[in-house]
Amino acid sequence: MKIGKNAENSTSSVSCDALILDSESKSSTFPAIETKNDKISVAHEARVGKIGDKEIFYLQSRGYSEEEAVRLIVNGFINPIVKALPLEYALELNKLIDMEMDGAVM
């Protein structure tokens, strides 16, 4: 992110979220914030987590199987990304995720 010298009194907030789906994955965030103005407010937030047993249990108590619960959580996590893509790419991404998740239970 770049903040120019004329962006006086501006505010920026960057948020990075990561969902860990297996024991081999990891996440690292390295914010790159370049500012040319001292009269600004900048914040960076990063959250990393696994799908919790409580979340899966909650969805199972509503009638979903464990696999369906994981699929719902993953789809909810990536939904903002999918919405930002052109339709043809979003459809392909959803197909790829479904193929990857078939038979996968956390």
N, C-alpha and C. Protein backbone atom coordinates (compact mmCIF):
# COMPACT_ATOMS: atom_id res chain seq x y z
N MET A 1 0.85 -1.15 0.00
CA MET A 1 0.00 0.00 0.00
C MET A 1 0.90 1.22 0.00
N LYS A 2 0.49 2.22 -0.75
CA LYS A 2 1.23 3.48 -0.81
C LYS A 2 0.32 4.63 -0.39
N ILE A 3 0.87 5.50 0.42
CA ILE A 3 0.15 6.71 0.83
C ILE A 3 1.01 7.89 0.41
N GLY A 4 0.49 8.71 -0.47
CA GLY A 4 1.24 9.82 -1.04
C GLY A 4 1.38 11.00 -0.11
N LYS A 5 2.23 11.94 -0.49
CA LYS A 5 2.53 13.09 0.34
C LYS A 5 1.34 14.03 0.50
N ASN A 6 0.37 13.99 -0.41
CA ASN A 6 -0.80 14.87 -0.33
C ASN A 6 -1.98 14.22 0.40
N ALA A 7 -1.80 13.06 0.96
CA ALA A 7 -2.90 12.34 1.62
C ALA A 7 -3.00 12.69 3.09
N GLU A 8 -2.85 13.94 3.41
CA GLU A 8 -2.87 14.40 4.79
C GLU A 8 -4.21 14.10 5.46
N ASN A 9 -4.14 13.65 6.73
CA ASN A 9 -5.31 13.33 7.55
C ASN A 9 -6.11 12.14 7.00
N SER A 10 -5.50 11.30 6.22
CA SER A 10 -6.20 10.12 5.71
C SER A 10 -6.01 8.95 6.67
N THR A 11 -6.89 7.96 6.54
CA THR A 11 -6.86 6.77 7.37
C THR A 11 -6.91 5.55 6.48
N SER A 12 -6.11 4.55 6.81
CA SER A 12 -6.10 3.30 6.05
C SER A 12 -6.02 2.13 7.01
N SER A 13 -6.75 1.10 6.69
CA SER A 13 -6.72 -0.12 7.49
C SER A 13 -6.61 -1.32 6.56
N VAL A 14 -5.62 -2.17 6.79
CA VAL A 14 -5.40 -3.35 5.96
C VAL A 14 -5.67 -4.57 6.83
N SER A 15 -6.46 -5.49 6.31
CA SER A 15 -6.79 -6.70 7.05
C SER A 15 -6.42 -7.93 6.22
N CYS A 16 -5.72 -8.87 6.83
CA CYS A 16 -5.32 -10.11 6.17
C CYS A 16 -5.87 -11.28 6.98
N ASP A 17 -6.66 -12.12 6.34
CA ASP A 17 -7.22 -13.29 7.01
C ASP A 17 -6.73 -14.55 6.31
N ALA A 18 -6.42 -15.58 7.09
CA ALA A 18 -5.97 -16.85 6.52
C ALA A 18 -6.68 -17.98 7.24
N LEU A 19 -7.05 -19.00 6.48
CA LEU A 19 -7.69 -20.18 7.03
C LEU A 19 -6.78 -21.37 6.77
N ILE A 20 -6.33 -22.03 7.81
CA ILE A 20 -5.44 -23.18 7.70
C ILE A 20 -6.30 -24.44 7.62
N LEU A 21 -6.11 -25.22 6.55
CA LEU A 21 -6.97 -26.38 6.32
C LEU A 21 -6.30 -27.73 6.55
N ASP A 22 -5.00 -27.72 6.83
CA ASP A 22 -4.33 -29.00 7.11
C ASP A 22 -3.13 -28.76 8.03
N SER A 23 -2.49 -29.83 8.44
CA SER A 23 -1.38 -29.71 9.38
C SER A 23 -0.07 -29.27 8.72
N GLU A 24 -0.01 -29.25 7.40
CA GLU A 24 1.21 -28.87 6.69
C GLU A 24 1.24 -27.39 6.30
N SER A 25 0.09 -26.75 6.28
CA SER A 25 0.01 -25.36 5.83
C SER A 25 0.44 -24.39 6.91
N LYS A 26 0.90 -23.22 6.47
CA LYS A 26 1.22 -22.14 7.39
C LYS A 26 0.91 -20.83 6.70
N SER A 27 0.88 -19.78 7.47
CA SER A 27 0.56 -18.47 6.92
C SER A 27 1.50 -17.43 7.52
N SER A 28 1.99 -16.55 6.68
CA SER A 28 2.83 -15.44 7.12
C SER A 28 2.33 -14.19 6.41
N THR A 29 2.20 -13.11 7.15
CA THR A 29 1.81 -11.86 6.52
C THR A 29 2.95 -10.87 6.65
N PHE A 30 3.22 -10.18 5.58
CA PHE A 30 4.27 -9.19 5.55
C PHE A 30 3.69 -7.90 4.97
N PRO A 31 3.19 -7.02 5.84
CA PRO A 31 2.59 -5.80 5.32
C PRO A 31 3.63 -4.90 4.67
N ALA A 32 3.28 -4.38 3.53
CA ALA A 32 4.15 -3.44 2.82
C ALA A 32 3.42 -2.11 2.75
N ILE A 33 3.77 -1.21 3.63
CA ILE A 33 3.10 0.08 3.70
C ILE A 33 4.15 1.17 3.48
N GLU A 34 4.00 1.90 2.42
CA GLU A 34 4.93 2.98 2.08
C GLU A 34 4.19 4.31 2.26
N THR A 35 4.68 5.13 3.18
CA THR A 35 4.02 6.41 3.42
C THR A 35 4.96 7.56 3.13
N LYS A 36 4.40 8.62 2.61
CA LYS A 36 5.16 9.83 2.32
C LYS A 36 4.55 11.02 3.06
N ASN A 37 3.82 10.69 4.16
CA ASN A 37 3.13 11.73 4.90
C ASN A 37 3.06 11.30 6.36
N ASP A 38 3.39 12.19 7.29
CA ASP A 38 3.36 11.87 8.72
C ASP A 38 2.00 12.12 9.36
N LYS A 39 1.08 12.79 8.67
CA LYS A 39 -0.22 13.14 9.24
C LYS A 39 -1.30 12.18 8.75
N ILE A 40 -1.08 10.87 9.01
CA ILE A 40 -2.01 9.84 8.58
C ILE A 40 -2.18 8.82 9.70
N SER A 41 -3.16 7.96 9.54
CA SER A 41 -3.37 6.86 10.47
C SER A 41 -3.42 5.56 9.66
N VAL A 42 -2.53 4.62 9.99
CA VAL A 42 -2.45 3.36 9.26
C VAL A 42 -2.51 2.21 10.26
N ALA A 43 -3.31 1.19 9.94
CA ALA A 43 -3.41 0.01 10.80
C ALA A 43 -3.31 -1.25 9.94
N HIS A 44 -2.72 -2.27 10.51
CA HIS A 44 -2.62 -3.58 9.84
C HIS A 44 -3.06 -4.64 10.83
N GLU A 45 -3.91 -5.54 10.36
CA GLU A 45 -4.42 -6.61 11.22
C GLU A 45 -4.32 -7.93 10.46
N ALA A 46 -3.86 -8.96 11.15
CA ALA A 46 -3.77 -10.29 10.53
C ALA A 46 -4.39 -11.31 11.47
N ARG A 47 -5.21 -12.19 10.91
CA ARG A 47 -5.81 -13.27 11.68
C ARG A 47 -5.58 -14.57 10.93
N VAL A 48 -5.17 -15.59 11.68
CA VAL A 48 -4.92 -16.91 11.12
C VAL A 48 -5.61 -17.91 12.03
N GLY A 49 -6.27 -18.89 11.43
CA GLY A 49 -6.91 -19.89 12.27
C GLY A 49 -7.30 -21.13 11.50
N LYS A 50 -7.57 -22.17 12.27
CA LYS A 50 -8.08 -23.42 11.71
C LYS A 50 -9.58 -23.44 11.92
N ILE A 51 -10.24 -24.34 11.22
CA ILE A 51 -11.65 -24.54 11.46
C ILE A 51 -11.78 -25.25 12.80
N GLY A 52 -12.51 -24.65 13.71
CA GLY A 52 -12.60 -25.18 15.05
C GLY A 52 -13.65 -26.28 15.19
N ASP A 53 -13.42 -27.13 16.17
CA ASP A 53 -14.38 -28.20 16.47
C ASP A 53 -15.73 -27.63 16.87
N LYS A 54 -15.74 -26.48 17.54
CA LYS A 54 -17.00 -25.87 17.96
C LYS A 54 -17.84 -25.44 16.77
N GLU A 55 -17.18 -24.89 15.76
CA GLU A 55 -17.90 -24.45 14.57
C GLU A 55 -18.50 -25.65 13.83
N ILE A 56 -17.70 -26.71 13.71
CA ILE A 56 -18.20 -27.92 13.04
C ILE A 56 -19.34 -28.53 13.85
N PHE A 57 -19.18 -28.60 15.18
CA PHE A 57 -20.23 -29.15 16.03
C PHE A 57 -21.52 -28.35 15.89
N TYR A 58 -21.40 -27.02 15.87
CA TYR A 58 -22.58 -26.17 15.74
C TYR A 58 -23.34 -26.51 14.46
N LEU A 59 -22.63 -26.60 13.35
CA LEU A 59 -23.29 -26.89 12.08
C LEU A 59 -23.85 -28.32 12.05
N GLN A 60 -23.15 -29.26 12.68
CA GLN A 60 -23.66 -30.62 12.75
C GLN A 60 -24.94 -30.66 13.59
N SER A 61 -25.01 -29.84 14.62
CA SER A 61 -26.22 -29.81 15.45
C SER A 61 -27.40 -29.23 14.67
N ARG A 62 -27.12 -28.59 13.54
CA ARG A 62 -28.16 -28.06 12.66
C ARG A 62 -28.46 -29.00 11.50
N GLY A 63 -27.88 -30.20 11.55
CA GLY A 63 -28.21 -31.23 10.55
C GLY A 63 -27.22 -31.43 9.43
N TYR A 64 -26.11 -30.69 9.43
CA TYR A 64 -25.10 -30.86 8.39
C TYR A 64 -24.14 -31.97 8.77
N SER A 65 -23.65 -32.68 7.76
CA SER A 65 -22.59 -33.66 8.02
C SER A 65 -21.29 -32.90 8.29
N GLU A 66 -20.28 -33.60 8.77
CA GLU A 66 -19.00 -32.94 9.02
C GLU A 66 -18.41 -32.38 7.72
N GLU A 67 -18.51 -33.14 6.64
CA GLU A 67 -17.99 -32.68 5.36
C GLU A 67 -18.75 -31.44 4.87
N GLU A 68 -20.07 -31.43 5.01
CA GLU A 68 -20.86 -30.27 4.61
C GLU A 68 -20.51 -29.05 5.47
N ALA A 69 -20.29 -29.27 6.77
CA ALA A 69 -19.94 -28.18 7.67
C ALA A 69 -18.62 -27.54 7.26
N VAL A 70 -17.62 -28.36 6.98
CA VAL A 70 -16.32 -27.83 6.54
C VAL A 70 -16.48 -27.07 5.23
N ARG A 71 -17.23 -27.62 4.32
CA ARG A 71 -17.46 -26.97 3.01
C ARG A 71 -18.13 -25.61 3.20
N LEU A 72 -19.13 -25.54 4.08
CA LEU A 72 -19.82 -24.27 4.34
C LEU A 72 -18.86 -23.23 4.92
N ILE A 73 -18.02 -23.64 5.85
CA ILE A 73 -17.08 -22.71 6.48
C ILE A 73 -16.06 -22.20 5.46
N VAL A 74 -15.51 -23.10 4.66
CA VAL A 74 -14.53 -22.70 3.65
C VAL A 74 -15.18 -21.77 2.62
N ASN A 75 -16.38 -22.13 2.16
CA ASN A 75 -17.06 -21.28 1.18
C ASN A 75 -17.38 -19.91 1.77
N GLY A 76 -17.75 -19.85 3.03
CA GLY A 76 -18.00 -18.57 3.68
C GLY A 76 -16.74 -17.72 3.77
N PHE A 77 -15.61 -18.38 4.00
CA PHE A 77 -14.33 -17.68 4.11
C PHE A 77 -13.91 -17.07 2.77
N ILE A 78 -14.08 -17.83 1.68
CA ILE A 78 -13.60 -17.36 0.38
C ILE A 78 -14.65 -16.56 -0.39
N ASN A 79 -15.87 -16.48 0.13
CA ASN A 79 -16.94 -15.79 -0.58
C ASN A 79 -16.58 -14.37 -0.99
N PRO A 80 -15.96 -13.55 -0.15
CA PRO A 80 -15.61 -12.19 -0.60
C PRO A 80 -14.65 -12.19 -1.79
N ILE A 81 -13.77 -13.17 -1.84
CA ILE A 81 -12.83 -13.28 -2.96
C ILE A 81 -13.58 -13.66 -4.23
N VAL A 82 -14.44 -14.67 -4.10
CA VAL A 82 -15.20 -15.15 -5.26
C VAL A 82 -16.09 -14.05 -5.83
N LYS A 83 -16.71 -13.26 -4.96
CA LYS A 83 -17.58 -12.17 -5.41
C LYS A 83 -16.83 -11.11 -6.20
N ALA A 84 -15.54 -10.96 -5.92
CA ALA A 84 -14.74 -9.94 -6.61
C ALA A 84 -14.25 -10.40 -7.98
N LEU A 85 -14.36 -11.70 -8.26
CA LEU A 85 -13.88 -12.24 -9.53
C LEU A 85 -14.94 -12.13 -10.62
N PRO A 86 -14.51 -12.07 -11.89
CA PRO A 86 -15.47 -12.19 -12.98
C PRO A 86 -16.16 -13.56 -12.89
N LEU A 87 -17.40 -13.63 -13.34
CA LEU A 87 -18.22 -14.82 -13.17
C LEU A 87 -17.54 -16.10 -13.63
N GLU A 88 -16.91 -16.09 -14.81
CA GLU A 88 -16.30 -17.33 -15.32
C GLU A 88 -15.17 -17.82 -14.42
N TYR A 89 -14.40 -16.89 -13.84
CA TYR A 89 -13.33 -17.28 -12.92
C TYR A 89 -13.90 -17.77 -11.59
N ALA A 90 -14.96 -17.11 -11.12
CA ALA A 90 -15.59 -17.52 -9.87
C ALA A 90 -16.14 -18.94 -9.99
N LEU A 91 -16.76 -19.26 -11.10
CA LEU A 91 -17.29 -20.61 -11.31
C LEU A 91 -16.16 -21.64 -11.30
N GLU A 92 -15.07 -21.33 -11.97
CA GLU A 92 -13.93 -22.25 -12.00
C GLU A 92 -13.31 -22.43 -10.62
N LEU A 93 -13.17 -21.35 -9.88
CA LEU A 93 -12.61 -21.43 -8.53
C LEU A 93 -13.49 -22.30 -7.64
N ASN A 94 -14.81 -22.10 -7.72
CA ASN A 94 -15.72 -22.94 -6.93
C ASN A 94 -15.60 -24.41 -7.30
N LYS A 95 -15.46 -24.70 -8.59
CA LYS A 95 -15.29 -26.10 -9.04
C LYS A 95 -13.99 -26.69 -8.48
N LEU A 96 -12.91 -25.91 -8.53
CA LEU A 96 -11.63 -26.39 -8.01
C LEU A 96 -11.70 -26.67 -6.51
N ILE A 97 -12.33 -25.78 -5.78
CA ILE A 97 -12.45 -25.98 -4.33
C ILE A 97 -13.29 -27.20 -4.04
N ASP A 98 -14.39 -27.37 -4.75
CA ASP A 98 -15.23 -28.56 -4.55
C ASP A 98 -14.45 -29.85 -4.85
N MET A 99 -13.67 -29.84 -5.94
CA MET A 99 -12.87 -31.02 -6.27
C MET A 99 -11.84 -31.32 -5.18
N GLU A 100 -11.21 -30.28 -4.65
CA GLU A 100 -10.19 -30.44 -3.62
C GLU A 100 -10.79 -30.94 -2.31
N MET A 101 -12.02 -30.51 -2.03
CA MET A 101 -12.63 -30.84 -0.75
C MET A 101 -13.42 -32.16 -0.78
N ASP A 102 -13.66 -32.73 -1.93
CA ASP A 102 -14.42 -33.99 -2.00
C ASP A 102 -13.74 -35.05 -1.12
N GLY A 103 -14.46 -35.51 -0.13
CA GLY A 103 -13.96 -36.55 0.76
C GLY A 103 -13.03 -36.05 1.84
N ALA A 104 -12.75 -34.75 1.87
CA ALA A 104 -11.84 -34.20 2.89
C ALA A 104 -12.63 -33.82 4.12
N VAL A 105 -12.22 -34.35 5.25
CA VAL A 105 -12.81 -33.98 6.53
C VAL A 105 -11.65 -33.61 7.44
N MET A 106 -11.79 -32.49 8.14
CA MET A 106 -10.71 -31.98 8.98
C MET A 106 -10.41 -32.93 10.11
